[in-house]
């Protein structure tokens, strides 16, 4: 039977938290978020099958089992640390862990990311994908770009990018349904839906007293929604950065020239509140803000 070993990153988190008597201080020392450190502690507790800390609202204290297990962990980590390694003098390369929604990654980040990596070739950027609108607890990433309303309790939140929303469709689809000359004629169209881009705010600026659609295809990914439009499946709301190339190629056309200037959702940079950003992470935040300042 294969042996099961405790995850080393969880052991390191446990040792740091035990010596600091503070999850926040230990997280700062390890350059991770407090929630990421708590996740690692829980992972280790699940592995050993017992509680390591007493969490009663004050500073976390070790349980009796935690105190005895700490001695074993410290000894094991010290053995690993003292083992001679030929490449030990090589400095660790700065690394940024970034979590972003898929559509932002495809249409906004990747086309511009080379500007950052070319200017800072010594910094490694790891990109992970997240699910928009599902306000999950912060991952072990240094930064997240979220698409939503910007209301994230206990997180530092900075608006990164907001664009007007407008409807698009393919010329072939418009011809198939006999054309659409005014917003009211959308009644004969298939309106593709997304919780990320609700129709009702656009209806209001277009002078339509219509409720939010509840039928037809719903896609909670703006890139896939636009792809459904391109495939002639209906009319969908989009934004300039996403649809620009398709509009230029004539694959889709904007309808009516009526745009919702401030949609309910925008892109935000978020990170753990009170966390001191490492220099390379702060550099990346500054680059993001400068890159998307003009929209």
Protein backbone atom coordinates (compact mmCIF):
# COMPACT_ATOMS: atom_id res chain seq x y z
CA UNK A 1 0.00 0.00 0.00
CA UNK A 2 1.33 3.44 -0.98
CA UNK A 3 2.15 5.72 1.92
CA UNK A 4 0.23 8.97 2.38
CA UNK A 5 2.32 12.01 3.22
CA UNK A 6 1.10 15.34 4.61
CA UNK A 7 1.34 18.23 2.11
CA UNK A 8 4.55 20.16 2.74
CA UNK A 9 2.92 23.58 2.13
CA UNK A 10 0.41 22.76 4.87
CA UNK A 11 3.21 21.76 7.27
CA UNK A 12 5.00 25.05 6.59
CA UNK A 13 1.79 26.99 7.20
CA UNK A 14 1.22 25.11 10.47
CA UNK A 15 4.75 25.82 11.74
CA UNK A 16 4.54 29.51 10.81
CA UNK A 17 1.14 29.96 12.45
CA UNK A 18 2.23 28.14 15.61
CA UNK A 19 5.34 30.27 16.06
CA UNK A 20 3.59 33.56 15.19
CA UNK A 21 0.42 32.84 17.23
CA UNK A 22 -1.40 34.71 14.47
CA UNK A 23 -2.72 33.51 11.14
CA UNK A 24 -2.45 37.03 9.68
CA UNK A 25 1.20 37.44 10.68
CA UNK A 26 2.09 33.95 9.46
CA UNK A 27 0.33 34.56 6.14
CA UNK A 28 2.29 37.79 5.65
CA UNK A 29 5.54 35.95 6.36
CA UNK A 30 4.68 33.31 3.77
CA UNK A 31 3.43 35.91 1.25
CA UNK A 32 -0.02 34.33 1.03
CA UNK A 33 -3.45 35.52 2.13
CA UNK A 34 -4.79 34.71 5.62
CA UNK A 35 -7.64 32.73 4.06
CA UNK A 36 -5.12 30.67 2.06
CA UNK A 37 -3.19 29.95 5.25
CA UNK A 38 -6.41 28.93 7.04
CA UNK A 39 -7.21 26.60 4.13
CA UNK A 40 -3.80 24.93 4.48
CA UNK A 41 -4.27 24.49 8.24
CA UNK A 42 -7.69 22.89 7.66
CA UNK A 43 -6.15 20.62 5.02
CA UNK A 44 -3.54 19.43 7.51
CA UNK A 45 -6.16 18.93 10.24
CA UNK A 46 -8.17 16.78 7.85
CA UNK A 47 -5.02 14.77 7.10
CA UNK A 48 -4.11 14.12 10.75
CA UNK A 49 -7.74 13.70 11.83
CA UNK A 50 -7.57 16.11 14.76
CA UNK A 51 -7.62 19.83 15.54
CA UNK A 52 -4.29 21.62 15.67
CA UNK A 53 -5.51 25.01 16.90
CA UNK A 54 -8.21 26.32 19.22
CA UNK A 55 -9.99 29.15 17.41
CA UNK A 56 -12.15 31.07 19.85
CA UNK A 57 -12.03 34.57 18.36
CA UNK A 58 -8.75 35.44 20.06
CA UNK A 59 -5.24 34.53 18.96
CA UNK A 60 -5.20 30.88 17.87
CA UNK A 61 -3.59 28.54 20.40
CA UNK A 62 -2.28 25.03 19.90
CA UNK A 63 -4.29 22.07 21.11
CA UNK A 64 -2.43 19.44 23.14
CA UNK A 65 -2.17 17.34 19.99
CA UNK A 66 -1.01 20.40 18.05
CA UNK A 67 1.84 21.03 20.51
CA UNK A 68 3.13 17.48 20.24
CA UNK A 69 2.72 17.41 16.45
CA UNK A 70 4.59 20.73 16.14
CA UNK A 71 7.77 19.16 17.52
CA UNK A 72 7.63 16.46 14.87
CA UNK A 73 6.90 18.96 12.08
CA UNK A 74 9.69 21.34 13.13
CA UNK A 75 12.18 18.48 13.23
CA UNK A 76 11.14 17.21 9.80
CA UNK A 77 11.26 20.65 8.19
CA UNK A 78 14.63 21.40 9.78
CA UNK A 79 16.02 18.16 8.35
CA UNK A 80 14.82 19.16 4.88
CA UNK A 81 16.19 22.68 5.30
CA UNK A 82 19.65 21.52 6.46
CA UNK A 83 20.10 18.99 3.65
CA UNK A 84 22.84 20.34 1.30
CA UNK A 85 21.63 21.18 -2.20
CA UNK A 86 23.94 22.14 -5.10
CA UNK A 87 21.64 24.86 -6.44
CA UNK A 88 20.78 26.35 -3.07
CA UNK A 89 22.47 29.65 -3.85
CA UNK A 90 20.14 30.29 -6.82
CA UNK A 91 17.63 32.99 -5.77
CA UNK A 92 13.94 32.21 -6.11
CA UNK A 93 12.32 33.83 -9.13
CA UNK A 94 9.56 36.37 -8.31
CA UNK A 95 6.17 34.88 -9.16
CA UNK A 96 2.66 36.33 -9.41
CA UNK A 97 -0.43 34.14 -9.13
CA UNK A 98 -3.34 35.81 -10.91
CA UNK A 99 -6.93 34.54 -11.08
CA UNK A 100 -9.18 36.00 -13.81
CA UNK A 101 -12.50 35.24 -15.54
CA UNK A 102 -12.16 33.35 -18.86
CA UNK A 103 -13.48 36.14 -21.10
CA UNK A 104 -11.20 38.74 -19.51
CA UNK A 105 -8.26 36.38 -19.95
CA UNK A 106 -8.98 35.77 -23.63
CA UNK A 107 -9.99 39.21 -24.88
CA UNK A 108 -8.30 41.65 -22.50
CA UNK A 109 -5.38 40.13 -20.62
CA UNK A 110 -3.54 37.85 -23.04
CA UNK A 111 -3.37 40.35 -25.93
CA UNK A 112 -1.58 42.81 -23.59
CA UNK A 113 0.26 40.60 -21.12
CA UNK A 114 3.38 40.47 -23.29
CA UNK A 115 3.85 44.17 -22.50
CA UNK A 116 4.37 43.29 -18.84
CA UNK A 117 6.43 40.11 -19.33
CA UNK A 118 8.72 41.87 -21.85
CA UNK A 119 9.32 44.75 -19.45
CA UNK A 120 9.83 42.39 -16.48
CA UNK A 121 11.30 39.12 -17.81
CA UNK A 122 12.47 38.17 -14.31
CA UNK A 123 8.88 37.91 -12.99
CA UNK A 124 6.83 34.76 -13.66
CA UNK A 125 3.06 35.22 -14.09
CA UNK A 126 0.79 32.23 -13.41
CA UNK A 127 -2.77 32.72 -14.75
CA UNK A 128 -5.70 30.78 -13.29
CA UNK A 129 -9.37 30.90 -14.35
CA UNK A 130 -12.31 31.68 -12.07
CA UNK A 131 -16.11 31.63 -12.36
CA UNK A 132 -17.63 35.15 -12.51
CA UNK A 133 -20.42 36.24 -10.13
CA UNK A 134 -19.83 33.32 -7.78
CA UNK A 135 -18.21 35.22 -4.92
CA UNK A 136 -15.94 32.45 -3.79
CA UNK A 137 -13.47 32.92 -0.97
CA UNK A 138 -10.13 34.24 -2.23
CA UNK A 139 -7.97 31.46 -3.56
CA UNK A 140 -4.26 31.11 -2.99
CA UNK A 141 -3.69 33.64 -5.75
CA UNK A 142 -1.98 36.94 -5.04
CA UNK A 143 -4.59 38.85 -7.05
CA UNK A 144 -7.98 38.27 -8.61
CA UNK A 145 -9.79 40.10 -11.36
CA UNK A 146 -13.53 39.73 -10.74
CA UNK A 147 -16.47 40.61 -12.96
CA UNK A 148 -19.36 41.73 -10.78
CA UNK A 149 -20.94 44.54 -8.79
CA UNK A 150 -17.76 45.32 -6.85
CA UNK A 151 -19.25 44.51 -3.44
CA UNK A 152 -16.76 42.15 -1.85
CA UNK A 153 -16.71 42.39 1.97
CA UNK A 154 -13.29 42.10 3.64
CA UNK A 155 -11.48 42.49 0.32
CA UNK A 156 -9.58 45.43 -1.12
CA UNK A 157 -11.53 46.30 -4.28
CA UNK A 158 -10.37 48.60 -7.09
CA UNK A 159 -12.40 49.15 -10.27
CA UNK A 160 -10.27 48.19 -13.25
CA UNK A 161 -12.47 48.53 -16.32
CA UNK A 162 -16.04 49.46 -17.19
CA UNK A 163 -17.44 49.53 -20.72
CA UNK A 164 -20.88 50.30 -22.16
CA UNK A 165 -23.09 47.33 -23.06
CA UNK A 166 -24.94 47.10 -26.39
CA UNK A 167 -26.86 44.47 -28.43
CA UNK A 168 -25.37 42.68 -31.43
CA UNK A 169 -26.51 40.08 -33.92
CA UNK A 170 -25.31 38.56 -37.20
CA UNK A 171 -26.55 40.00 -40.51
CA UNK A 172 -27.81 36.53 -41.48
CA UNK A 173 -29.87 36.23 -38.30
CA UNK A 174 -31.40 39.68 -38.79
CA UNK A 175 -32.32 38.77 -42.37
CA UNK A 176 -33.83 35.50 -41.21
CA UNK A 177 -36.26 37.23 -38.79
CA UNK A 178 -37.13 40.01 -41.26
CA UNK A 179 -34.84 42.72 -39.85
CA UNK A 180 -35.07 44.85 -36.72
CA UNK A 181 -35.60 48.57 -37.21
CA UNK A 182 -36.26 49.66 -33.60
CA UNK A 183 -35.73 48.34 -30.04
CA UNK A 184 -39.43 47.42 -29.82
CA UNK A 185 -38.94 44.93 -32.68
CA UNK A 186 -36.67 42.88 -30.42
CA UNK A 187 -39.95 41.25 -29.41
CA UNK A 188 -39.62 38.97 -32.43
CA UNK A 189 -35.97 38.10 -31.72
CA UNK A 190 -34.42 35.43 -29.54
CA UNK A 191 -32.72 37.29 -26.70
CA UNK A 192 -29.72 35.37 -25.40
CA UNK A 193 -29.41 35.73 -21.64
CA UNK A 194 -26.66 35.94 -19.04
CA UNK A 195 -26.61 36.81 -15.35
CA UNK A 196 -23.39 38.63 -16.16
CA UNK A 197 -25.13 40.96 -18.62
CA UNK A 198 -28.83 41.38 -17.74
CA UNK A 199 -31.15 42.91 -20.34
CA UNK A 200 -33.41 45.03 -18.12
CA UNK A 201 -30.92 47.94 -17.55
CA UNK A 202 -30.46 48.21 -21.34
CA UNK A 203 -34.23 48.01 -21.89
CA UNK A 204 -34.64 51.06 -19.65
CA UNK A 205 -32.20 53.25 -21.59
CA UNK A 206 -33.85 52.06 -24.83
CA UNK A 207 -37.26 53.19 -23.56
CA UNK A 208 -38.68 49.69 -23.17
CA UNK A 209 -40.72 48.85 -20.07
CA UNK A 210 -39.93 45.15 -20.36
CA UNK A 211 -39.08 42.66 -17.60
CA UNK A 212 -35.87 40.66 -17.59
CA UNK A 213 -36.21 37.73 -20.06
CA UNK A 214 -36.62 34.34 -18.42
CA UNK A 215 -36.66 32.06 -21.47
CA UNK A 216 -34.25 31.20 -24.30
CA UNK A 217 -30.62 30.19 -23.96
CA UNK A 218 -28.70 31.38 -20.87
CA UNK A 219 -24.89 31.38 -20.86
CA UNK A 220 -22.93 32.67 -17.87
CA UNK A 221 -19.75 33.32 -19.80
CA UNK A 222 -19.58 36.47 -21.93
CA UNK A 223 -17.19 34.93 -24.45
CA UNK A 224 -19.49 31.95 -25.04
CA UNK A 225 -22.49 34.26 -25.20
CA UNK A 226 -20.83 36.25 -27.99
CA UNK A 227 -19.95 33.01 -29.76
CA UNK A 228 -23.62 32.00 -29.66
CA UNK A 229 -24.47 35.34 -31.27
CA UNK A 230 -21.82 34.77 -33.96
CA UNK A 231 -23.37 31.37 -34.68
CA UNK A 232 -26.69 33.07 -35.42
CA UNK A 233 -28.58 31.85 -32.35
CA UNK A 234 -30.04 35.23 -31.40
CA UNK A 235 -29.33 38.75 -30.13
CA UNK A 236 -26.99 39.26 -27.20
CA UNK A 237 -25.50 42.06 -25.15
CA UNK A 238 -21.75 42.56 -25.36
CA UNK A 239 -18.98 45.14 -24.93
CA UNK A 240 -16.52 46.79 -27.27
CA UNK A 241 -13.37 44.87 -26.30
CA UNK A 242 -15.13 41.54 -26.75
CA UNK A 243 -16.95 42.23 -30.01
CA UNK A 244 -14.58 44.67 -31.74
CA UNK A 245 -12.88 42.10 -33.98
CA UNK A 246 -16.17 40.46 -34.99
CA UNK A 247 -17.69 43.87 -35.76
CA UNK A 248 -14.69 44.86 -37.89
CA UNK A 249 -14.96 41.57 -39.82
CA UNK A 250 -18.71 42.07 -40.32
CA UNK A 251 -19.54 38.85 -38.46
CA UNK A 252 -21.84 40.75 -36.08
CA UNK A 253 -23.37 44.22 -36.18
CA UNK A 254 -24.33 46.59 -33.38
CA UNK A 255 -28.05 47.37 -33.21
CA UNK A 256 -29.67 50.80 -32.79
CA UNK A 257 -26.59 52.67 -31.50
CA UNK A 258 -28.09 52.66 -27.99
CA UNK A 259 -25.55 51.82 -25.29
CA UNK A 260 -25.88 51.31 -21.55
CA UNK A 261 -23.12 53.60 -20.26
CA UNK A 262 -22.78 52.07 -16.78
CA UNK A 263 -23.80 48.40 -16.74
CA UNK A 264 -24.38 46.77 -13.33
CA UNK A 265 -21.16 44.75 -13.63
CA UNK A 266 -17.57 45.77 -14.25
CA UNK A 267 -14.07 44.35 -13.77
CA UNK A 268 -12.40 44.80 -10.39
CA UNK A 269 -8.98 43.94 -8.98
CA UNK A 270 -9.38 42.35 -5.55
CA UNK A 271 -7.02 41.03 -2.90
CA UNK A 272 -7.05 40.26 0.80
CA UNK A 273 -7.78 43.33 2.93
CA UNK A 274 -4.79 44.53 4.91
CA UNK A 275 -2.39 42.31 3.00
CA UNK A 276 0.97 43.87 2.20
CA UNK A 277 1.57 43.28 -1.49
CA UNK A 278 4.96 41.97 -2.49
CA UNK A 279 6.92 44.36 -4.77
CA UNK A 280 6.32 42.30 -7.91
CA UNK A 281 2.59 42.03 -7.15
CA UNK A 282 2.31 45.78 -6.53
CA UNK A 283 4.16 46.32 -9.82
CA UNK A 284 1.61 44.14 -11.62
CA UNK A 285 -1.35 45.99 -10.03
CA UNK A 286 0.13 49.30 -11.19
CA UNK A 287 0.57 47.84 -14.69
CA UNK A 288 -3.05 46.64 -14.78
CA UNK A 289 -4.38 50.02 -13.72
CA UNK A 290 -2.22 51.88 -16.25
CA UNK A 291 -2.99 49.44 -19.07
CA UNK A 292 -6.77 49.64 -18.70
CA UNK A 293 -7.07 53.24 -17.51
CA UNK A 294 -8.26 54.36 -20.92
CA UNK A 295 -10.69 51.45 -21.33
